[in-house]
Protein backbone atom coordinates (compact mmCIF):
# COMPACT_ATOMS: atom_id res chain seq x y z
CA UNK A 1 -11.66 44.16 31.08
CA UNK A 2 -9.58 42.22 28.59
CA UNK A 3 -10.92 40.66 25.33
CA UNK A 4 -10.27 37.39 24.33
CA UNK A 5 -8.23 36.47 21.13
CA UNK A 6 -8.86 33.41 19.25
CA UNK A 7 -6.28 31.61 16.83
CA UNK A 8 -7.48 30.28 13.29
CA UNK A 9 -5.26 27.19 11.84
CA UNK A 10 -3.10 29.34 10.18
CA UNK A 11 -1.40 31.32 13.34
CA UNK A 12 -3.36 34.86 13.20
CA UNK A 13 -6.04 36.08 15.38
CA UNK A 14 -9.63 35.33 14.59
CA UNK A 15 -10.42 39.46 15.01
CA UNK A 16 -7.72 40.42 12.33
CA UNK A 17 -9.27 38.40 9.39
CA UNK A 18 -11.67 41.04 8.20
CA UNK A 19 -10.16 42.27 4.44
CA UNK A 20 -11.65 41.11 1.59
CA UNK A 21 -15.70 40.29 1.50
CA UNK A 22 -15.68 39.26 5.35
CA UNK A 23 -14.83 43.20 6.32
CA UNK A 24 -17.86 44.30 3.99
CA UNK A 25 -21.15 45.40 6.70
CA UNK A 26 -23.47 43.01 6.59
CA UNK A 27 -21.27 39.91 5.05
CA UNK A 28 -19.96 38.11 8.10
CA UNK A 29 -22.25 35.20 6.84
CA UNK A 30 -21.20 32.28 4.82
CA UNK A 31 -24.13 31.81 2.80
CA UNK A 32 -24.29 35.82 2.09
CA UNK A 33 -20.36 35.58 0.95
CA UNK A 34 -21.33 33.43 -1.14
CA UNK A 35 -24.55 34.44 -2.80
CA UNK A 36 -22.54 37.46 -3.50
CA UNK A 37 -20.00 35.53 -5.34
CA UNK A 38 -22.54 33.79 -7.00
CA UNK A 39 -24.32 36.68 -8.54
CA UNK A 40 -21.07 37.91 -10.16
CA UNK A 41 -19.91 35.30 -11.62
CA UNK A 42 -23.53 34.92 -13.46
CA UNK A 43 -23.06 38.83 -14.17
CA UNK A 44 -19.83 37.92 -15.66
CA UNK A 45 -20.96 35.08 -17.57
CA UNK A 46 -23.65 37.12 -19.03
CA UNK A 47 -21.56 39.88 -20.35
CA UNK A 48 -19.19 37.21 -21.69
CA UNK A 49 -22.25 35.51 -23.84
CA UNK A 50 -23.02 39.01 -24.47
CA UNK A 51 -19.83 39.02 -26.53
CA UNK A 52 -19.75 35.67 -27.80
CA UNK A 53 -20.85 34.04 -31.14
CA UNK A 54 -23.10 31.03 -31.14
CA UNK A 55 -20.18 28.22 -31.51
CA UNK A 56 -18.55 29.29 -28.58
CA UNK A 57 -21.48 30.15 -26.32
CA UNK A 58 -22.90 26.01 -26.87
CA UNK A 59 -19.08 25.62 -25.79
CA UNK A 60 -19.68 27.35 -22.69
CA UNK A 61 -23.00 26.01 -22.25
CA UNK A 62 -21.53 22.59 -21.88
CA UNK A 63 -19.05 24.16 -19.17
CA UNK A 64 -22.30 24.62 -17.33
CA UNK A 65 -23.05 20.84 -17.49
CA UNK A 66 -20.24 19.70 -16.85
CA UNK A 67 -19.96 21.87 -13.49
CA UNK A 68 -22.29 19.81 -11.40
CA UNK A 69 -20.98 16.82 -12.63
CA UNK A 70 -17.54 17.34 -11.52
CA UNK A 71 -18.36 19.20 -8.49
CA UNK A 72 -20.90 15.96 -7.22
CA UNK A 73 -17.50 13.87 -8.02
CA UNK A 74 -15.46 16.65 -5.65
CA UNK A 75 -17.87 15.73 -2.80
CA UNK A 76 -17.47 12.29 -3.74
CA UNK A 77 -14.13 11.77 -4.11
CA UNK A 78 -12.32 14.32 -2.60
CA UNK A 79 -14.24 15.28 0.67
CA UNK A 80 -15.57 11.60 1.31
CA UNK A 81 -12.65 9.36 -0.23
CA UNK A 82 -15.68 7.25 -1.65
CA UNK A 83 -13.83 6.66 -5.70
CA UNK A 84 -16.59 6.18 -8.15
CA UNK A 85 -15.99 5.22 -11.88
CA UNK A 86 -19.82 5.30 -11.87
CA UNK A 87 -20.79 8.95 -12.13
CA UNK A 88 -21.39 8.93 -15.82
CA UNK A 89 -24.03 6.46 -15.35
CA UNK A 90 -25.78 8.81 -13.05
CA UNK A 91 -25.84 11.29 -15.42
CA UNK A 92 -27.44 8.77 -18.02
CA UNK A 93 -30.54 8.56 -14.91
CA UNK A 94 -30.83 12.30 -15.10
CA UNK A 95 -31.14 12.89 -19.23
CA UNK A 96 -33.19 9.96 -19.67
CA UNK A 97 -35.26 11.20 -16.92
CA UNK A 98 -35.62 14.28 -18.97
CA UNK A 99 -36.02 12.70 -22.05
CA UNK A 100 -38.71 10.93 -21.72
CA UNK A 101 -40.34 13.57 -18.89
CA UNK A 102 -40.05 16.28 -22.36
CA UNK A 103 -41.06 13.87 -24.66
CA UNK A 104 -44.44 12.27 -22.74
CA UNK A 105 -45.90 15.31 -20.72
CA UNK A 106 -46.26 17.99 -23.02
CA UNK A 107 -45.96 21.49 -21.41
CA UNK A 108 -44.07 20.33 -18.28
CA UNK A 109 -41.89 23.36 -17.37
CA UNK A 110 -38.24 23.23 -17.75
CA UNK A 111 -37.59 23.37 -13.59
CA UNK A 112 -39.56 21.02 -12.78
CA UNK A 113 -38.17 18.36 -15.77
CA UNK A 114 -34.87 19.23 -13.41
CA UNK A 115 -36.24 18.42 -10.14
CA UNK A 116 -37.54 15.22 -11.35
CA UNK A 117 -34.34 14.43 -12.64
CA UNK A 118 -32.51 15.38 -9.16
CA UNK A 119 -35.21 12.84 -7.31
CA UNK A 120 -34.88 10.20 -9.60
CA UNK A 121 -31.01 9.58 -9.94
CA UNK A 122 -30.96 10.51 -6.28
CA UNK A 123 -33.18 7.89 -5.52
CA UNK A 124 -30.09 5.77 -7.34
CA UNK A 125 -27.60 7.33 -5.85
CA UNK A 126 -29.51 6.23 -2.41
CA UNK A 127 -29.88 2.64 -3.50
CA UNK A 128 -26.49 2.03 -4.60
CA UNK A 129 -24.77 4.26 -2.33
CA UNK A 130 -26.18 2.15 0.84
CA UNK A 131 -25.14 -1.40 -1.19
CA UNK A 132 -21.59 0.13 -1.37
CA UNK A 133 -21.21 1.74 1.92
CA UNK A 134 -19.63 -1.12 3.44
CA UNK A 135 -17.25 -1.40 0.75
CA UNK A 136 -13.95 0.46 0.10
CA UNK A 137 -10.84 1.35 -2.19
CA UNK A 138 -10.61 -0.66 -5.60
CA UNK A 139 -13.73 -2.84 -4.24
CA UNK A 140 -15.81 -0.15 -4.15
CA UNK A 141 -14.18 1.27 -8.08
CA UNK A 142 -14.96 -2.29 -9.58
CA UNK A 143 -18.90 -1.74 -8.17
CA UNK A 144 -19.19 1.36 -9.72
CA UNK A 145 -17.50 0.58 -12.51
CA UNK A 146 -20.51 -2.27 -13.45
CA UNK A 147 -22.25 0.30 -12.70
CA UNK A 148 -20.74 2.66 -15.65
CA UNK A 149 -21.09 -0.23 -17.81
CA UNK A 150 -24.62 -1.77 -17.14
CA UNK A 151 -26.52 1.36 -16.78
CA UNK A 152 -26.35 2.53 -20.51
CA UNK A 153 -27.51 -0.67 -21.69
CA UNK A 154 -30.84 -0.52 -20.17
CA UNK A 155 -31.60 1.98 -22.82
CA UNK A 156 -31.13 -0.81 -25.35
CA UNK A 157 -33.29 -3.70 -22.75
CA UNK A 158 -36.47 -1.30 -22.30
CA UNK A 159 -35.68 0.35 -26.50
CA UNK A 160 -39.78 1.35 -26.41
CA UNK A 161 -39.44 3.55 -23.48
CA UNK A 162 -35.83 4.32 -23.83
CA UNK A 163 -35.77 4.87 -27.69
CA UNK A 164 -32.53 1.73 -27.57
CA UNK A 165 -29.39 2.53 -29.54
CA UNK A 166 -30.46 5.40 -30.97
CA UNK A 167 -31.52 6.91 -27.93
CA UNK A 168 -34.30 9.85 -27.43
CA UNK A 169 -34.35 12.87 -28.94
CA UNK A 170 -34.60 15.76 -26.51
CA UNK A 171 -36.76 19.14 -27.32
CA UNK A 172 -35.05 21.82 -25.62
CA UNK A 173 -37.10 24.90 -23.67
CA UNK A 174 -37.36 27.68 -26.07
CA UNK A 175 -36.35 30.91 -25.02
CA UNK A 176 -39.37 33.24 -23.95
CA UNK A 177 -40.24 36.16 -26.65
CA UNK A 178 -39.00 38.99 -23.44
CA UNK A 179 -35.34 37.37 -23.23
CA UNK A 180 -34.67 37.26 -27.22
CA UNK A 181 -35.92 40.75 -26.89
CA UNK A 182 -33.65 41.77 -24.29
CA UNK A 183 -30.54 39.87 -25.20
CA UNK A 184 -30.78 39.30 -29.01
CA UNK A 185 -30.10 35.87 -28.02
CA UNK A 186 -30.71 32.35 -29.74
CA UNK A 187 -32.62 29.35 -28.22
CA UNK A 188 -29.05 27.85 -27.86
CA UNK A 189 -27.70 30.65 -26.20
CA UNK A 190 -30.73 30.67 -23.57
CA UNK A 191 -29.58 26.84 -22.99
CA UNK A 192 -26.38 28.15 -21.84
CA UNK A 193 -27.97 31.31 -19.47
CA UNK A 194 -29.99 28.87 -18.33
CA UNK A 195 -26.97 25.95 -17.88
CA UNK A 196 -24.67 28.29 -16.00
CA UNK A 197 -27.66 29.33 -13.47
CA UNK A 198 -28.51 25.96 -12.11
CA UNK A 199 -24.39 25.29 -12.24
CA UNK A 200 -23.80 28.42 -10.06
CA UNK A 201 -27.22 27.30 -7.90
CA UNK A 202 -25.45 23.64 -7.44
CA UNK A 203 -22.57 25.20 -6.61
CA UNK A 204 -24.09 27.52 -3.55
CA UNK A 205 -25.78 24.75 -2.37
CA UNK A 206 -22.64 22.46 -2.45
CA UNK A 207 -20.13 25.49 -1.10
CA UNK A 208 -22.45 25.70 1.70
CA UNK A 209 -23.16 22.53 2.78
CA UNK A 210 -19.40 21.66 2.66
CA UNK A 211 -18.73 24.33 5.09
CA UNK A 212 -21.28 22.82 7.92
CA UNK A 213 -21.50 20.27 10.02
CA UNK A 214 -21.83 17.74 7.46
CA UNK A 215 -18.93 18.96 5.28
CA UNK A 216 -16.96 18.61 8.51
CA UNK A 217 -18.15 14.85 9.01
CA UNK A 218 -17.49 14.09 5.60
CA UNK A 219 -13.75 15.38 6.34
CA UNK A 220 -13.52 13.32 9.17
CA UNK A 221 -14.40 10.28 6.99
CA UNK A 222 -11.88 11.13 4.69
CA UNK A 223 -9.31 11.80 6.57
CA UNK A 224 -9.86 8.87 9.65
CA UNK A 225 -12.48 6.31 9.69
CA UNK A 226 -11.58 5.18 13.45
CA UNK A 227 -11.07 8.40 14.93
CA UNK A 228 -14.22 9.63 13.35
CA UNK A 229 -16.14 6.65 14.77
CA UNK A 230 -14.54 7.07 17.71
CA UNK A 231 -16.08 10.84 17.63
CA UNK A 232 -19.66 9.67 17.37
CA UNK A 233 -19.83 9.75 13.23
CA UNK A 234 -21.99 6.98 11.56
CA UNK A 235 -19.72 6.05 8.99
CA UNK A 236 -22.69 4.08 6.62
CA UNK A 237 -24.69 7.21 6.76
CA UNK A 238 -22.16 9.51 6.29
CA UNK A 239 -21.05 7.68 3.01
CA UNK A 240 -24.83 7.29 1.77
CA UNK A 241 -25.73 11.02 2.92
CA UNK A 242 -22.62 11.77 -0.02
CA UNK A 243 -23.20 9.45 -2.34
CA UNK A 244 -27.00 10.77 -2.70
CA UNK A 245 -25.68 14.49 -2.79
CA UNK A 246 -23.07 13.55 -5.36
CA UNK A 247 -26.12 11.51 -7.53
CA UNK A 248 -28.37 14.64 -7.31
CA UNK A 249 -25.45 16.88 -8.67
CA UNK A 250 -24.84 14.45 -11.45
CA UNK A 251 -29.26 14.47 -12.07
CA UNK A 252 -28.61 17.98 -12.85
CA UNK A 253 -26.03 17.30 -15.02
CA UNK A 254 -27.71 14.74 -16.91
CA UNK A 255 -30.64 16.97 -17.68
CA UNK A 256 -28.25 20.02 -18.77
CA UNK A 257 -26.82 17.55 -20.74
CA UNK A 258 -29.59 16.02 -22.81
CA UNK A 259 -30.68 19.79 -23.31
CA UNK A 260 -27.96 21.11 -24.80
CA UNK A 261 -26.66 17.66 -26.99
CA UNK A 262 -30.06 17.13 -27.89
CA UNK A 263 -30.26 13.53 -27.31
CA UNK A 264 -30.01 10.71 -24.58
CA UNK A 265 -28.56 7.94 -25.78
CA UNK A 266 -26.27 4.92 -24.55
CA UNK A 267 -23.20 6.44 -26.31
CA UNK A 268 -23.23 9.59 -24.33
CA UNK A 269 -22.58 8.19 -21.48
CA UNK A 270 -20.04 5.29 -21.72
CA UNK A 271 -16.69 4.74 -19.08
CA UNK A 272 -15.18 7.34 -21.12
CA UNK A 273 -17.69 9.86 -19.78
CA UNK A 274 -16.48 8.29 -16.45
CA UNK A 275 -13.04 8.65 -16.29
CA UNK A 276 -13.06 12.27 -17.60
CA UNK A 277 -15.24 13.49 -15.43
CA UNK A 278 -12.75 12.13 -12.42
CA UNK A 279 -9.61 13.65 -14.49
CA UNK A 280 -10.98 16.87 -14.12
CA UNK A 281 -10.74 16.24 -10.64
CA UNK A 282 -7.81 15.11 -10.34
CA UNK A 283 -6.40 18.03 -12.70
CA UNK A 284 -8.44 20.37 -11.10
CA UNK A 285 -7.82 19.34 -7.25
CA UNK A 286 -9.81 16.60 -4.99
CA UNK A 287 -11.96 18.30 -2.84
CA UNK A 288 -12.09 21.85 -4.60
CA UNK A 289 -14.64 23.66 -6.04
CA UNK A 290 -12.74 26.25 -7.94
CA UNK A 291 -11.28 22.71 -9.02
CA UNK A 292 -14.04 21.32 -10.34
CA UNK A 293 -14.22 24.47 -12.33
CA UNK A 294 -10.94 24.52 -13.70
CA UNK A 295 -11.46 20.49 -14.95
CA UNK A 296 -14.78 21.50 -16.56
CA UNK A 297 -13.21 24.24 -18.32
CA UNK A 298 -10.39 21.89 -19.49
CA UNK A 299 -12.46 18.91 -20.56
CA UNK A 300 -14.62 21.30 -22.99
CA UNK A 301 -12.15 23.80 -24.41
CA UNK A 302 -8.76 21.11 -23.87
CA UNK A 303 -9.70 18.66 -26.21
CA UNK A 304 -10.64 20.70 -30.07
CA UNK A 305 -8.45 23.13 -28.91
CA UNK A 306 -5.25 19.92 -28.75
CA UNK A 307 -7.27 18.70 -31.86
CA UNK A 308 -7.03 21.73 -33.95
CA UNK A 309 -3.38 21.53 -33.31
CA UNK A 310 -2.40 18.74 -34.56
CA UNK A 311 -4.73 18.94 -37.29
CA UNK A 312 -2.68 22.29 -38.17
CA UNK A 313 0.00 19.32 -37.99
CA UNK A 314 -0.44 17.94 -40.78
CA UNK A 315 -1.89 14.73 -39.04
CA UNK A 316 -4.96 13.08 -40.21
CA UNK A 317 -8.68 13.13 -38.29
CA UNK A 318 -8.06 10.24 -36.38
CA UNK A 319 -4.38 10.96 -35.25
CA UNK A 320 -5.76 14.46 -34.45
CA UNK A 321 -8.83 13.13 -32.37
CA UNK A 322 -6.17 10.99 -30.14
CA UNK A 323 -4.26 13.86 -29.63
CA UNK A 324 -6.89 14.90 -26.49
CA UNK A 325 -6.55 11.63 -24.91
CA UNK A 326 -2.78 11.41 -25.20
CA UNK A 327 -2.33 14.40 -23.52
CA UNK A 328 -4.82 13.98 -21.07
CA UNK A 329 -2.84 10.89 -19.81
CA UNK A 330 0.46 12.88 -19.77
CA UNK A 331 -0.99 15.64 -17.70
CA UNK A 332 -2.48 12.98 -15.22
CA UNK A 333 1.17 11.51 -14.84
CA UNK A 334 2.92 15.20 -14.52
CA UNK A 335 0.52 16.13 -12.05
CA UNK A 336 0.66 13.19 -10.13
CA UNK A 337 4.69 13.69 -9.82
CA UNK A 338 4.93 17.05 -9.51
CA UNK A 339 1.54 18.60 -7.75
CA UNK A 340 -0.24 15.47 -6.50
CA UNK A 341 -3.10 17.96 -5.24
CA UNK A 342 -4.26 19.51 -8.30
CA UNK A 343 -3.82 22.51 -9.10
CA UNK A 344 -5.91 24.43 -6.88
CA UNK A 345 -4.40 22.26 -3.99
CA UNK A 346 -0.96 22.95 -5.04
CA UNK A 347 -1.53 26.55 -5.72
CA UNK A 348 -2.89 26.65 -1.88
CA UNK A 349 0.07 24.86 -0.44
CA UNK A 350 2.36 27.38 -1.73
CA UNK A 351 0.63 30.36 -0.24
CA UNK A 352 -0.03 29.10 2.75
CA UNK A 353 3.89 27.73 2.94
CA UNK A 354 4.96 31.32 1.73
CA UNK A 355 2.63 33.00 4.41
CA UNK A 356 4.14 30.04 7.34
CA UNK A 357 7.45 31.30 6.04
CA UNK A 358 6.78 34.76 6.24
CA UNK A 359 5.33 34.79 10.02
CA UNK A 360 8.70 32.76 10.92
CA UNK A 361 10.62 35.47 9.62
CA UNK A 362 8.29 38.05 11.48
CA UNK A 363 8.70 36.43 15.01
CA UNK A 364 12.47 35.44 14.02
CA UNK A 365 13.04 39.33 13.71
CA UNK A 366 10.63 39.99 16.77
CA UNK A 367 12.73 37.57 18.41
CA UNK A 368 15.81 39.25 17.51
CA UNK A 369 14.95 42.82 18.45
CA UNK A 370 13.69 41.50 22.05
CA UNK A 371 16.96 39.59 22.56
CA UNK A 372 18.74 42.86 22.01
CA UNK A 373 16.55 45.45 23.70
CA UNK A 374 17.60 42.65 26.99
CA UNK A 375 21.19 42.90 26.58
CA UNK A 376 21.14 46.69 26.58
CA UNK A 377 19.22 46.81 29.57
CA UNK A 378 21.88 44.33 31.06
CA UNK A 379 24.37 46.31 30.12
CA UNK A 380 25.93 48.29 32.94
CA UNK A 381 26.03 52.50 32.02
């Protein structure tokens, strides 16, 4: 009895794809593979934090709070096709929820605070997503732009609760004694451990969600709304779900942001933050979680690096501070012209093109050999 072999979109037999983690026993499940990758990534982060000084550890903690926000925006814009300029405002909701709870409720576990921030931000995302479900393109961008401009101003209107212009001081969770004895790390380094644990949990959940039916529906809506609707996909519901998931990720990012910065203030959540998040997903690659990580790293480390280089070249402090935005703009222009898919998307496209070229060359060689064999059989002895 013959065994049927199905083909993958790349033209390779499905039964031959057993290399890497997929070939290990018990790792056929996508969730198990993702879990193993996240565990290995966290072990690497722990080893890296052990070798870094406190300043670099704080920078790594900053990367941790950017990753959930950028990953959530990747889901919304890169996979569902909704352009959002208001993600900084959603981070503000999570940050202020965290600040209020830590200030007014004593002894509340930090995990509960983060979950509360996620819940409140998800509710805001549900309201905004339902209102914006019928908007497209520049109209959706304009609506979320209004959100980015208006939400930080609520802190001034509700000054008694949210602290006004000065904002609210945030008392971060203290590291347990056993943790300090085991690692010798400070409280600020402890936030890096916690932040990366939460960031990897978000990446794990999103990576499995994107490989589920919901993720396939998001891609269908992004690629062709008419075809998706004919296939029975509810466009409005799909957009709202994507907005809620993205808002929940922003809630995690806002909670981590408030604890790492130790402040929740309107000046921290301006339009510049929302544009920076959008820049990160464009540079890293739309629709790629790996691109979200790369974009987050660049957001944290590229700015100080360029500022230091500007100071080293003899520029003033103000001039050096403006070097980073200038370079970000130039990089965006160059990427749009040279690599519109972003860093990760361009690399994947090049690898796919190389693989297809090899397959065509192999097929061409096989056809030539078959033709030569046929010619030999037809030649009389």
